[in-house]
Amino acid sequence: MTDNPEGGARQDPGGLRRRRLLGAAAAGAAGMTAAVLSGCDRAAPRAHRPGAVRRSVAAEPDWQIASAGPADAVQGYADRISVRPGEEFGLYVSTTARNFRVSAFRVGWYGGAQAGLVWRSGRTPGRVQSGSTVSRDTRTVRAGWERSLTVRAEGWPEGAYLLRLDADDGHQRYVPLIVRSATAVGRTLLMHAPATWQAYNRWGGHSLYAGEDGSYASRSLAVSFDRPYDGTGAEKFLVYERAAVVLAERLGIPLAYTTGVDVHLDPGVLRGATTVVALGHDEYWTPEQRRYVTAARDAGTNLAFLGANTCFRRVRLEPGPRDGVRTVVCHKTDYRQDPYLERHPTMATTDFRVGPGADPESSLTGVIYEGFPTDAPYRVENAGHWVFRGTGVRQGDSFAHLVGVEYDRVAQGFPTPEPIEIVAHSPLVCKGRPSHADSAYYTVPSGAGVFATGTMRWVEGLMAGTAEGGRDHSMDTRTRKFVTKVTENLLNGFAAGPARGSRPAPRDNVSRVYGS
């Protein structure tokens, strides 16, 4: 979400459409990264098959929170963003109840149930923990609690997990955790976005958007993973990621799991992946993560961007008081105050499109983030495109409320791969200004295909009109069926390998669509 005057899309003074194919320049910038992704071939392990996981994990329909209760009823956080199967992590829990238990639910598809129970703790003594601090320089909140229990993910299949804290008094909260894959060779890699989850987290009164007084000026300049998430404990995952995980698992394609933070730390997981999927709201990226994902594309890995506002903020990751990456730094409009900038002049923690070191996200995603908020119908531009097969749509068909609350478009004046095809072109109004949201598709010489939906509500559309839909923005079952089929076409098509060899190449239509 943009919250500064530099966040909107800009035009070149001459209004020229500066489109660059990411060929030699991108290859040069990513050369060393590509070597990391392609070197030291090893025998690929048997791909993770959702069907095999379903047979090994007990379906659990009763995984959702029934009663969150007061804010302090029960809450907690883990000291690891992700673990590999068999690794240990610590849980830090505060509760007003005498005891609590922890249940580890793996999100997926279990014959209709959307989670399976993998592990449950015994009763653990509870207590109210205190001692949170707010740093003076960056207004970073850290809980600083003592560890309540140590958990080993022994026998836990790779996947996205919700650890549900169940207090004796009946109140509950989630702690999200990814059990990540060591390799994604031959698989579709789901890349979760904990840096974005944390950016919006208001626990302790501060996020990267606002401070305790609600103002932008009092916001944190760095946020810590050493604190619970607010609300139910997993709002961003539940709204923008869970439904895509469920669908991917239901399709039965080989899957792997990671996070953007883990890609930053070790890009090796990208090597040999058929597809990397950025889920519904993945705004905060490091330059390293972006470079590694770009190199994967240029080595033949397809990319799917299922949201909008992706790769918009440039961030830095830092350790916390304990080991490992625990802090997301993003000064935004105050990036000149960051002391790190003095010795790293191109590493401004602000929007990627802003200098110094400006690098708009459109060179990767094909689309540029333009605005917030909006609510508009999604309008089909090329009904014959392969992602729309089996949907029955015709040119001009629309789906109410599917575009929002943030949107992307193919825009003049920004670096854009070519040829690029706009497959949906949706008129809208944002803050009184008319514009469009675009779904777009392009390919690169490696054969990789890249598809961006251009709307943040895409994953929410997968739940429209269902009990799990939550805030579905009045989208209906027709929209859900459409979004589901398009997403199935996209994931199945990309799972077959580099899209340029198996799916029709893009037909550049930007000039025709925009009349320029």
Protein backbone atom coordinates (compact mmCIF):
# COMPACT_ATOMS: atom_id res chain seq x y z
CA MET A 1 0.00 0.00 0.00
CA THR A 2 1.36 3.42 -0.87
CA ASP A 3 1.42 5.99 1.89
CA ASN A 4 3.72 8.63 0.49
CA PRO A 5 3.65 11.20 -2.32
CA GLU A 6 6.28 9.30 -4.26
CA GLY A 7 4.12 6.17 -4.49
CA GLY A 8 2.11 6.92 -7.64
CA ALA A 9 3.11 5.97 -11.17
CA ARG A 10 4.98 8.73 -13.01
CA GLN A 11 5.45 9.54 -16.65
CA ASP A 12 8.68 10.49 -18.41
CA PRO A 13 8.89 14.19 -19.26
CA GLY A 14 8.63 13.31 -22.94
CA GLY A 15 5.92 10.71 -22.37
CA LEU A 16 7.95 8.11 -24.23
CA ARG A 17 7.29 4.42 -23.74
CA ARG A 18 10.69 3.20 -22.56
CA ARG A 19 10.32 -0.54 -22.80
CA ARG A 20 13.30 -2.77 -22.34
CA LEU A 21 13.56 -6.47 -22.83
CA LEU A 22 15.52 -7.93 -19.95
CA GLY A 23 18.25 -9.41 -22.08
CA ALA A 24 21.90 -8.46 -21.93
CA ALA A 25 21.54 -5.87 -19.21
CA ALA A 26 19.57 -8.13 -16.90
CA ALA A 27 21.83 -11.06 -17.67
CA GLY A 28 24.84 -9.00 -16.70
CA ALA A 29 23.26 -7.85 -13.45
CA ALA A 30 22.22 -11.39 -12.56
CA GLY A 31 25.19 -13.33 -13.90
CA MET A 32 26.63 -14.38 -10.57
CA THR A 33 23.17 -15.20 -9.26
CA ALA A 34 22.44 -17.40 -12.25
CA ALA A 35 25.56 -19.37 -11.46
CA VAL A 36 24.22 -20.01 -7.97
CA LEU A 37 20.94 -21.22 -9.44
CA SER A 38 22.38 -23.48 -12.11
CA GLY A 39 25.59 -24.88 -10.63
CA CYS A 40 26.34 -28.14 -8.84
CA ASP A 41 23.56 -30.28 -10.25
CA ARG A 42 22.42 -33.03 -7.93
CA ALA A 43 19.96 -35.82 -8.35
CA ALA A 44 16.56 -34.30 -7.78
CA PRO A 45 14.64 -35.78 -4.87
CA ARG A 46 11.15 -37.06 -5.43
CA ALA A 47 8.89 -34.06 -5.82
CA HIS A 48 6.52 -33.18 -3.02
CA ARG A 49 3.14 -34.50 -4.11
CA PRO A 50 0.09 -33.13 -2.27
CA GLY A 51 -1.62 -36.50 -2.64
CA ALA A 52 1.08 -38.24 -0.63
CA VAL A 53 0.84 -35.58 2.07
CA ARG A 54 -2.93 -35.99 2.24
CA ARG A 55 -2.47 -39.66 2.95
CA SER A 56 0.01 -38.96 5.76
CA VAL A 57 -1.80 -36.07 7.48
CA ALA A 58 -5.16 -36.37 9.21
CA ALA A 59 -7.81 -33.97 7.86
CA GLU A 60 -9.02 -31.52 10.50
CA PRO A 61 -12.15 -29.49 9.71
CA ASP A 62 -11.95 -27.75 13.11
CA TRP A 63 -8.81 -25.68 12.50
CA GLN A 64 -10.27 -22.17 12.53
CA ILE A 65 -10.38 -19.82 15.50
CA ALA A 66 -13.71 -19.91 17.29
CA SER A 67 -13.00 -17.18 19.87
CA ALA A 68 -10.10 -14.74 19.78
CA GLY A 69 -11.19 -13.08 23.01
CA PRO A 70 -9.52 -9.95 24.42
CA ALA A 71 -6.18 -8.89 22.90
CA ASP A 72 -4.20 -10.28 25.84
CA ALA A 73 -6.18 -13.53 26.19
CA VAL A 74 -3.52 -15.53 24.35
CA GLN A 75 -0.89 -14.46 21.86
CA GLY A 76 2.50 -15.64 20.73
CA TYR A 77 5.29 -15.70 18.17
CA ALA A 78 7.98 -18.06 16.94
CA ASP A 79 11.70 -17.35 16.89
CA ARG A 80 11.97 -18.69 13.34
CA ILE A 81 10.21 -17.39 10.22
CA SER A 82 10.55 -20.84 8.72
CA VAL A 83 12.14 -24.20 9.46
CA ARG A 84 13.00 -27.29 7.50
CA PRO A 85 11.39 -30.58 8.47
CA GLY A 86 12.96 -31.87 11.67
CA GLU A 87 14.36 -28.52 12.83
CA GLU A 88 13.59 -26.91 16.18
CA PHE A 89 11.99 -23.56 16.90
CA GLY A 90 10.88 -21.75 20.01
CA LEU A 91 7.41 -20.48 20.83
CA TYR A 92 6.91 -17.44 23.04
CA VAL A 93 3.41 -17.25 24.47
CA SER A 94 1.59 -14.90 26.81
CA THR A 95 -1.86 -15.75 28.14
CA THR A 96 -4.19 -14.84 30.96
CA ALA A 97 -5.24 -18.49 31.18
CA ARG A 98 -3.60 -21.00 33.50
CA ASN A 99 -2.63 -23.37 30.67
CA PHE A 100 -2.58 -23.57 26.89
CA ARG A 101 -1.96 -26.09 24.12
CA VAL A 102 -0.54 -25.73 20.63
CA SER A 103 -1.91 -27.45 17.52
CA ALA A 104 0.02 -27.42 14.24
CA PHE A 105 -2.32 -27.33 11.24
CA ARG A 106 -0.91 -27.75 7.75
CA VAL A 107 -2.93 -25.77 5.20
CA GLY A 108 -3.84 -27.72 2.07
CA TRP A 109 -6.53 -29.92 0.60
CA TYR A 110 -7.68 -32.98 2.52
CA GLY A 111 -10.77 -34.28 0.75
CA GLY A 112 -12.61 -31.01 1.30
CA ALA A 113 -11.01 -30.01 4.61
CA GLN A 114 -8.55 -27.17 4.13
CA ALA A 115 -6.13 -28.11 6.89
CA GLY A 116 -4.70 -31.20 8.49
CA LEU A 117 -3.54 -31.76 12.05
CA VAL A 118 0.16 -32.64 12.13
CA TRP A 119 1.08 -32.21 15.80
CA ARG A 120 -0.41 -31.21 19.15
CA SER A 121 1.41 -30.29 22.34
CA GLY A 122 0.52 -31.28 25.84
CA ARG A 123 -0.87 -28.74 28.29
CA THR A 124 1.70 -26.04 28.92
CA PRO A 125 1.64 -23.65 31.91
CA GLY A 126 0.60 -20.17 30.86
CA ARG A 127 1.47 -16.76 32.21
CA VAL A 128 1.19 -13.12 31.28
CA GLN A 129 4.50 -12.02 29.78
CA SER A 130 5.68 -8.42 29.78
CA GLY A 131 8.82 -6.53 28.96
CA SER A 132 8.19 -5.26 25.43
CA THR A 133 10.41 -2.40 24.34
CA VAL A 134 10.27 0.37 21.72
CA SER A 135 13.63 1.56 20.39
CA ARG A 136 14.12 5.31 20.35
CA ASP A 137 15.81 5.61 16.96
CA THR A 138 13.58 3.43 14.74
CA ARG A 139 10.54 2.96 17.03
CA THR A 140 10.94 -0.82 16.67
CA VAL A 141 8.72 -2.86 19.00
CA ARG A 142 10.12 -6.11 20.44
CA ALA A 143 8.22 -8.31 22.86
CA GLY A 144 11.33 -9.75 24.50
CA TRP A 145 9.43 -12.61 26.13
CA GLU A 146 10.84 -15.80 27.59
CA ARG A 147 10.50 -19.02 25.64
CA SER A 148 7.41 -21.03 26.60
CA LEU A 149 8.23 -24.26 24.79
CA THR A 150 10.56 -25.73 22.19
CA VAL A 151 9.05 -27.58 19.23
CA ARG A 152 10.76 -29.90 16.79
CA ALA A 153 9.09 -30.16 13.37
CA GLU A 154 9.85 -33.87 13.23
CA GLY A 155 7.78 -35.57 10.56
CA TRP A 156 6.14 -32.32 9.51
CA PRO A 157 5.71 -32.23 5.71
CA GLU A 158 6.85 -29.11 3.88
CA GLY A 159 4.06 -26.57 3.71
CA ALA A 160 2.30 -23.55 5.18
CA TYR A 161 1.31 -23.99 8.83
CA LEU A 162 -0.96 -22.28 11.30
CA LEU A 163 0.04 -22.99 14.89
CA ARG A 164 -3.11 -22.44 16.91
CA LEU A 165 -2.68 -21.44 20.53
CA ASP A 166 -5.63 -22.79 22.56
CA ALA A 167 -5.96 -21.28 26.03
CA ASP A 168 -7.83 -23.17 28.75
CA ASP A 169 -10.48 -20.44 28.83
CA GLY A 170 -11.40 -21.15 25.19
CA HIS A 171 -9.63 -18.22 23.50
CA GLN A 172 -7.32 -18.81 20.54
CA ARG A 173 -4.69 -17.17 18.31
CA TYR A 174 -2.52 -18.23 15.38
CA VAL A 175 1.22 -18.19 14.88
CA PRO A 176 2.10 -18.66 11.16
CA LEU A 177 5.10 -20.79 10.21
CA ILE A 178 6.45 -22.11 6.91
CA VAL A 179 8.12 -25.53 6.81
CA ARG A 180 10.29 -24.76 3.85
CA SER A 181 11.69 -26.93 1.09
CA ALA A 182 15.41 -27.51 0.58
CA THR A 183 14.88 -27.76 -3.18
CA ALA A 184 12.20 -26.93 -5.72
CA VAL A 185 13.62 -28.86 -8.69
CA GLY A 186 10.69 -29.76 -10.95
CA ARG A 187 8.18 -28.12 -8.63
CA THR A 188 6.02 -25.04 -8.33
CA LEU A 189 7.50 -22.94 -5.53
CA LEU A 190 5.06 -21.01 -3.35
CA MET A 191 6.91 -17.97 -1.97
CA HIS A 192 5.24 -16.57 1.14
CA ALA A 193 5.65 -12.95 2.22
CA PRO A 194 6.44 -12.60 5.94
CA ALA A 195 8.25 -9.28 5.40
CA THR A 196 4.95 -7.84 4.18
CA TRP A 197 3.03 -9.49 7.02
CA GLN A 198 5.36 -7.79 9.47
CA ALA A 199 5.28 -4.40 7.74
CA TYR A 200 1.54 -4.11 8.46
CA ASN A 201 1.67 -5.62 11.95
CA ARG A 202 0.40 -3.11 14.54
CA TRP A 203 1.18 -5.21 17.62
CA GLY A 204 2.63 -2.98 20.31
CA GLY A 205 1.26 0.13 18.62
CA HIS A 206 3.68 0.48 15.71
CA SER A 207 3.92 -0.74 12.10
CA LEU A 208 5.73 0.61 9.06
CA TYR A 209 2.57 2.65 8.43
CA ALA A 210 1.61 4.25 11.73
CA GLY A 211 2.59 4.69 15.35
CA GLU A 212 0.55 4.66 18.53
CA ASP A 213 -1.08 7.98 17.66
CA GLY A 214 -2.11 6.62 14.28
CA SER A 215 0.10 9.01 12.33
CA TYR A 216 2.53 8.25 9.53
CA ALA A 217 5.15 10.45 11.21
CA SER A 218 5.27 8.22 14.29
CA ARG A 219 5.53 4.93 12.36
CA SER A 220 8.34 2.44 12.84
CA LEU A 221 11.31 2.68 10.51
CA ALA A 222 12.12 -0.95 11.26
CA VAL A 223 9.84 -3.74 12.48
CA SER A 224 10.74 -6.89 14.37
CA PHE A 225 9.62 -10.52 14.07
CA ASP A 226 10.14 -10.80 17.83
CA ARG A 227 6.51 -10.00 18.60
CA PRO A 228 3.08 -11.51 17.88
CA TYR A 229 1.03 -10.47 14.87
CA ASP A 230 -2.06 -8.44 15.68
CA GLY A 231 -5.65 -9.57 15.15
CA THR A 232 -5.99 -13.33 14.90
CA GLY A 233 -2.23 -13.62 14.48
CA ALA A 234 -2.23 -14.48 10.77
CA GLU A 235 -4.44 -11.97 8.97
CA LYS A 236 -2.25 -11.36 5.91
CA PHE A 237 -1.68 -15.06 5.33
CA LEU A 238 -5.36 -15.89 5.74
CA VAL A 239 -6.60 -13.16 3.39
CA TYR A 240 -3.94 -13.10 0.70
CA GLU A 241 -2.25 -16.50 0.65
CA ARG A 242 -4.23 -19.38 2.16
CA ALA A 243 -6.73 -19.86 -0.66
CA ALA A 244 -3.94 -20.05 -3.25
CA VAL A 245 -2.18 -22.71 -1.18
CA VAL A 246 -5.39 -24.74 -0.93
CA LEU A 247 -5.96 -24.52 -4.69
CA ALA A 248 -2.38 -25.47 -5.56
CA GLU A 249 -2.55 -28.47 -3.26
CA ARG A 250 -5.91 -29.53 -4.68
CA LEU A 251 -4.49 -29.47 -8.22
CA GLY A 252 -1.94 -32.12 -7.25
CA ILE A 253 1.01 -30.45 -9.00
CA PRO A 254 4.45 -30.94 -7.40
CA LEU A 255 4.90 -28.14 -4.85
CA ALA A 256 7.67 -26.59 -2.79
CA TYR A 257 7.47 -23.93 -0.09
CA THR A 258 9.66 -21.00 0.93
CA THR A 259 9.50 -17.34 1.96
CA GLY A 260 10.90 -14.18 0.45
CA VAL A 261 13.22 -13.87 3.44
CA ASP A 262 14.58 -17.38 2.79
CA VAL A 263 15.13 -16.61 -0.91
CA HIS A 264 17.13 -13.57 0.20
CA LEU A 265 19.25 -15.79 2.46
CA ASP A 266 19.65 -18.77 0.12
CA PRO A 267 18.62 -18.52 -3.54
CA GLY A 268 19.51 -22.16 -4.15
CA VAL A 269 15.89 -23.17 -3.56
CA LEU A 270 14.98 -21.44 -6.83
CA ARG A 271 17.22 -23.65 -8.95
CA GLY A 272 15.23 -25.88 -11.24
CA ALA A 273 11.80 -24.68 -10.09
CA THR A 274 9.20 -24.79 -12.85
CA THR A 275 7.43 -21.76 -11.37
CA VAL A 276 7.79 -19.25 -8.56
CA VAL A 277 4.48 -17.93 -7.26
CA ALA A 278 4.31 -14.59 -5.45
CA LEU A 279 1.01 -14.62 -3.60
CA GLY A 280 -1.67 -11.99 -3.08
CA HIS A 281 0.20 -9.25 -1.20
CA ASP A 282 3.99 -9.38 -1.51
CA GLU A 283 5.05 -5.75 -1.31
CA TYR A 284 8.35 -5.76 0.60
CA TRP A 285 11.43 -7.25 -1.14
CA THR A 286 15.15 -6.94 -0.67
CA PRO A 287 17.27 -6.18 -3.76
CA GLU A 288 18.83 -9.61 -3.30
CA GLN A 289 15.47 -11.40 -3.42
CA ARG A 290 14.56 -9.48 -6.54
CA ARG A 291 17.90 -10.23 -8.21
CA TYR A 292 17.62 -13.94 -7.44
CA VAL A 293 14.04 -14.22 -8.70
CA THR A 294 14.99 -12.34 -11.87
CA ALA A 295 17.89 -14.74 -12.41
CA ALA A 296 15.55 -17.70 -11.94
CA ARG A 297 13.28 -16.28 -14.64
CA ASP A 298 16.27 -15.83 -16.93
CA ALA A 299 17.20 -19.47 -16.31
CA GLY A 300 13.76 -20.70 -17.41
CA THR A 301 11.56 -20.52 -14.30
CA ASN A 302 8.06 -19.16 -14.86
CA LEU A 303 6.79 -16.42 -12.55
CA ALA A 304 3.22 -15.86 -11.37
CA PHE A 305 2.23 -12.70 -9.51
CA LEU A 306 -1.20 -13.32 -7.99
CA GLY A 307 -1.65 -9.91 -6.41
CA ALA A 308 -0.77 -6.28 -7.00
CA ASN A 309 1.76 -3.89 -5.45
CA THR A 310 4.35 -6.68 -5.64
CA CYS A 311 8.03 -5.85 -5.16
CA PHE A 312 7.14 -2.21 -4.50
CA ARG A 313 9.24 -1.51 -1.39
CA ARG A 314 12.99 -1.98 -1.19
CA VAL A 315 13.93 -3.22 2.29
CA ARG A 316 16.95 -4.30 4.29
CA LEU A 317 16.94 -7.31 6.61
CA GLU A 318 18.87 -7.22 9.88
CA PRO A 319 19.41 -9.57 12.82
CA GLY A 320 17.63 -9.09 16.12
CA PRO A 321 18.95 -9.60 19.65
CA ARG A 322 18.99 -13.34 18.95
CA ASP A 323 20.40 -15.20 15.96
CA GLY A 324 18.98 -14.95 12.48
CA VAL A 325 17.17 -12.31 10.45
CA ARG A 326 14.58 -10.72 12.72
CA THR A 327 14.14 -7.13 11.49
CA VAL A 328 12.70 -5.50 8.35
CA VAL A 329 14.03 -1.99 7.71
CA CYS A 330 12.15 0.45 5.46
CA HIS A 331 12.46 4.20 6.02
CA LYS A 332 10.21 5.07 3.04
CA THR A 333 10.09 8.85 2.54
CA ASP A 334 12.63 9.35 5.35
CA TYR A 335 15.27 7.15 3.73
CA ARG A 336 17.80 9.99 3.76
CA GLN A 337 17.85 9.73 7.57
CA ASP A 338 19.07 6.12 7.42
CA PRO A 339 22.75 6.09 8.54
CA TYR A 340 23.29 2.95 6.45
CA LEU A 341 22.84 5.04 3.30
CA GLU A 342 26.08 6.93 3.83
CA ARG A 343 28.21 3.90 2.96
CA HIS A 344 25.64 2.20 0.72
CA PRO A 345 24.36 5.04 -1.47
CA THR A 346 22.20 2.88 -3.76
CA MET A 347 20.53 0.98 -0.91
CA ALA A 348 17.78 3.43 -0.01
CA THR A 349 15.04 1.66 1.93
CA THR A 350 12.17 3.21 0.05
CA ASP A 351 10.18 2.41 -3.11
CA PHE A 352 12.14 0.53 -5.78
CA ARG A 353 11.21 3.21 -8.32
CA VAL A 354 12.72 6.00 -6.21
CA GLY A 355 16.37 7.02 -6.37
CA PRO A 356 19.11 6.63 -5.51
CA GLY A 357 19.33 3.28 -7.27
CA ALA A 358 15.86 3.56 -8.83
CA ASP A 359 14.70 0.26 -10.34
CA PRO A 360 10.93 0.13 -10.97
CA GLU A 361 9.33 -3.25 -10.36
CA SER A 362 7.80 -3.36 -13.85
CA SER A 363 11.03 -4.74 -15.34
CA LEU A 364 10.27 -7.94 -13.43
CA THR A 365 6.50 -8.04 -13.01
CA GLY A 366 5.59 -6.45 -16.35
CA VAL A 367 3.18 -4.11 -14.57
CA ILE A 368 3.64 -1.11 -12.31
CA TYR A 369 1.79 -0.35 -9.10
CA GLU A 370 -0.31 2.76 -9.57
CA GLY A 371 -2.86 3.37 -6.88
CA PHE A 372 -4.99 2.83 -3.80
CA PRO A 373 -7.86 2.58 -3.11
CA THR A 374 -10.14 1.45 -5.88
CA ASP A 375 -13.07 -0.90 -6.43
CA ALA A 376 -13.87 -1.83 -10.02
CA PRO A 377 -14.97 -4.68 -12.27
CA TYR A 378 -12.33 -6.89 -13.87
CA ARG A 379 -12.76 -6.66 -17.67
CA VAL A 380 -11.54 -9.35 -20.08
CA GLU A 381 -9.55 -7.97 -23.03
CA ASN A 382 -8.41 -11.13 -24.87
CA ALA A 383 -10.94 -13.89 -24.23
CA GLY A 384 -8.93 -16.29 -26.41
CA HIS A 385 -5.85 -16.19 -24.21
CA TRP A 386 -4.82 -19.56 -22.81
CA VAL A 387 -5.33 -18.50 -19.18
CA PHE A 388 -9.04 -18.01 -19.95
CA ARG A 389 -9.60 -21.45 -21.50
CA GLY A 390 -12.67 -23.19 -20.13
CA THR A 391 -14.07 -20.05 -18.50
CA GLY A 392 -16.56 -19.31 -21.28
CA VAL A 393 -15.74 -15.59 -21.22
CA ARG A 394 -15.99 -13.23 -24.17
CA GLN A 395 -14.18 -9.98 -24.78
CA GLY A 396 -15.64 -7.27 -22.57
CA ASP A 397 -17.07 -9.64 -19.97
CA SER A 398 -16.58 -8.27 -16.48
CA PHE A 399 -16.54 -9.43 -12.87
CA ALA A 400 -17.70 -6.92 -10.27
CA HIS A 401 -15.37 -5.80 -7.47
CA LEU A 402 -12.49 -8.08 -8.53
CA VAL A 403 -10.17 -5.10 -9.10
CA GLY A 404 -9.06 -3.54 -5.83
CA VAL A 405 -8.09 -2.43 -3.33
CA GLU A 406 -4.74 -1.77 -4.97
CA TYR A 407 -3.98 -2.30 -8.65
CA ASP A 408 -1.21 -2.48 -11.25
CA ARG A 409 -1.10 -1.59 -14.92
CA VAL A 410 1.17 -1.65 -17.95
CA ALA A 411 2.36 1.96 -18.01
CA GLN A 412 4.24 4.23 -20.35
CA GLY A 413 7.38 5.73 -18.96
CA PHE A 414 8.49 2.64 -17.05
CA PRO A 415 10.82 -0.19 -18.12
CA THR A 416 8.63 -3.01 -19.40
CA PRO A 417 9.61 -6.32 -21.06
CA GLU A 418 8.46 -6.71 -24.63
CA PRO A 419 6.50 -8.11 -26.24
CA ILE A 420 3.91 -8.00 -23.49
CA GLU A 421 0.23 -8.81 -23.85
CA ILE A 422 -2.56 -7.18 -21.87
CA VAL A 423 -5.20 -9.91 -21.38
CA ALA A 424 -7.51 -7.95 -19.07
CA HIS A 425 -7.93 -4.17 -19.16
CA SER A 426 -10.19 -2.84 -16.44
CA PRO A 427 -11.38 0.80 -16.31
CA LEU A 428 -11.40 2.28 -12.82
CA VAL A 429 -11.31 5.47 -10.84
CA CYS A 430 -8.78 6.01 -8.06
CA LYS A 431 -8.93 9.15 -5.94
CA GLY A 432 -11.01 10.85 -8.62
CA ARG A 433 -8.61 10.00 -11.45
CA PRO A 434 -9.62 7.58 -14.22
CA SER A 435 -7.17 4.81 -15.09
CA HIS A 436 -6.98 1.06 -15.78
CA ALA A 437 -5.79 -2.13 -14.11
CA ASP A 438 -4.12 -4.70 -16.36
CA SER A 439 -3.48 -8.42 -16.26
CA ALA A 440 -0.43 -9.02 -18.44
CA TYR A 441 1.68 -11.85 -19.84
CA TYR A 442 5.20 -11.87 -21.30
CA THR A 443 7.98 -14.35 -22.00
CA VAL A 444 11.78 -14.07 -22.06
CA PRO A 445 14.48 -15.76 -24.18
CA SER A 446 15.00 -18.48 -21.53
CA GLY A 447 11.45 -19.64 -22.29
CA ALA A 448 10.02 -18.52 -18.97
CA GLY A 449 6.58 -16.97 -18.89
CA VAL A 450 5.51 -14.24 -16.50
CA PHE A 451 1.88 -13.52 -15.61
CA ALA A 452 0.60 -10.75 -13.33
CA THR A 453 -3.05 -10.43 -12.31
CA GLY A 454 -2.83 -6.67 -11.64
CA THR A 455 -5.26 -6.77 -8.71
CA MET A 456 -4.75 -7.46 -5.03
CA ARG A 457 -8.13 -9.17 -4.72
CA TRP A 458 -7.26 -12.12 -6.94
CA VAL A 459 -6.63 -14.61 -4.12
CA GLU A 460 -9.62 -13.25 -2.22
CA GLY A 461 -11.64 -14.01 -5.35
CA LEU A 462 -10.85 -17.70 -4.87
CA MET A 463 -12.99 -17.58 -1.72
CA ALA A 464 -15.78 -15.30 -2.99
CA GLY A 465 -19.26 -16.37 -1.93
CA THR A 466 -18.03 -19.07 0.47
CA ALA A 467 -18.02 -19.37 4.24
CA GLU A 468 -14.23 -18.93 4.15
CA GLY A 469 -14.55 -15.77 2.05
CA GLY A 470 -14.47 -13.38 4.96
CA ARG A 471 -14.21 -9.89 3.49
CA ASP A 472 -14.94 -10.88 -0.11
CA HIS A 473 -15.94 -7.31 -1.15
CA SER A 474 -19.33 -8.46 -2.51
CA MET A 475 -17.70 -10.69 -5.14
CA ASP A 476 -20.04 -13.51 -6.15
CA THR A 477 -19.79 -17.22 -6.92
CA ARG A 478 -19.50 -16.48 -10.66
CA THR A 479 -16.35 -14.51 -9.90
CA ARG A 480 -15.01 -17.30 -7.72
CA LYS A 481 -15.50 -19.86 -10.49
CA PHE A 482 -13.78 -17.59 -13.00
CA VAL A 483 -10.78 -16.79 -10.78
CA THR A 484 -10.46 -20.45 -9.81
CA LYS A 485 -10.40 -21.68 -13.41
CA VAL A 486 -7.92 -19.02 -14.55
CA THR A 487 -5.63 -19.81 -11.62
CA GLU A 488 -5.86 -23.53 -12.39
CA ASN A 489 -4.95 -22.84 -16.03
CA LEU A 490 -2.04 -20.68 -14.94
CA LEU A 491 -0.57 -23.09 -12.37
CA ASN A 492 -1.10 -26.19 -14.51
CA GLY A 493 0.28 -24.47 -17.60
CA PHE A 494 3.37 -23.16 -15.84
CA ALA A 495 3.93 -26.52 -14.10
CA ALA A 496 4.52 -28.05 -17.56
CA GLY A 497 7.79 -26.13 -17.90
CA PRO A 498 8.96 -22.92 -19.56
CA ALA A 499 5.77 -21.37 -20.92
CA ARG A 500 7.28 -20.15 -24.15
CA GLY A 501 7.63 -23.74 -25.32
CA SER A 502 4.23 -25.00 -24.19
CA ARG A 503 1.90 -21.98 -24.26
CA PRO A 504 1.25 -19.41 -26.99
CA ALA A 505 3.68 -16.52 -26.95
CA PRO A 506 2.38 -13.07 -26.02
CA ARG A 507 1.02 -10.84 -28.76
CA ASP A 508 2.03 -7.28 -27.99
CA ASN A 509 -1.11 -5.19 -27.86
CA VAL A 510 -0.16 -2.30 -25.59
CA SER A 511 -0.31 0.36 -28.30
CA ARG A 512 -3.70 -0.85 -29.46
CA VAL A 513 -5.18 -1.12 -25.97
CA TYR A 514 -3.90 2.26 -24.83
CA GLY A 515 -4.22 3.94 -28.23
CA SER A 516 -0.63 5.12 -28.36
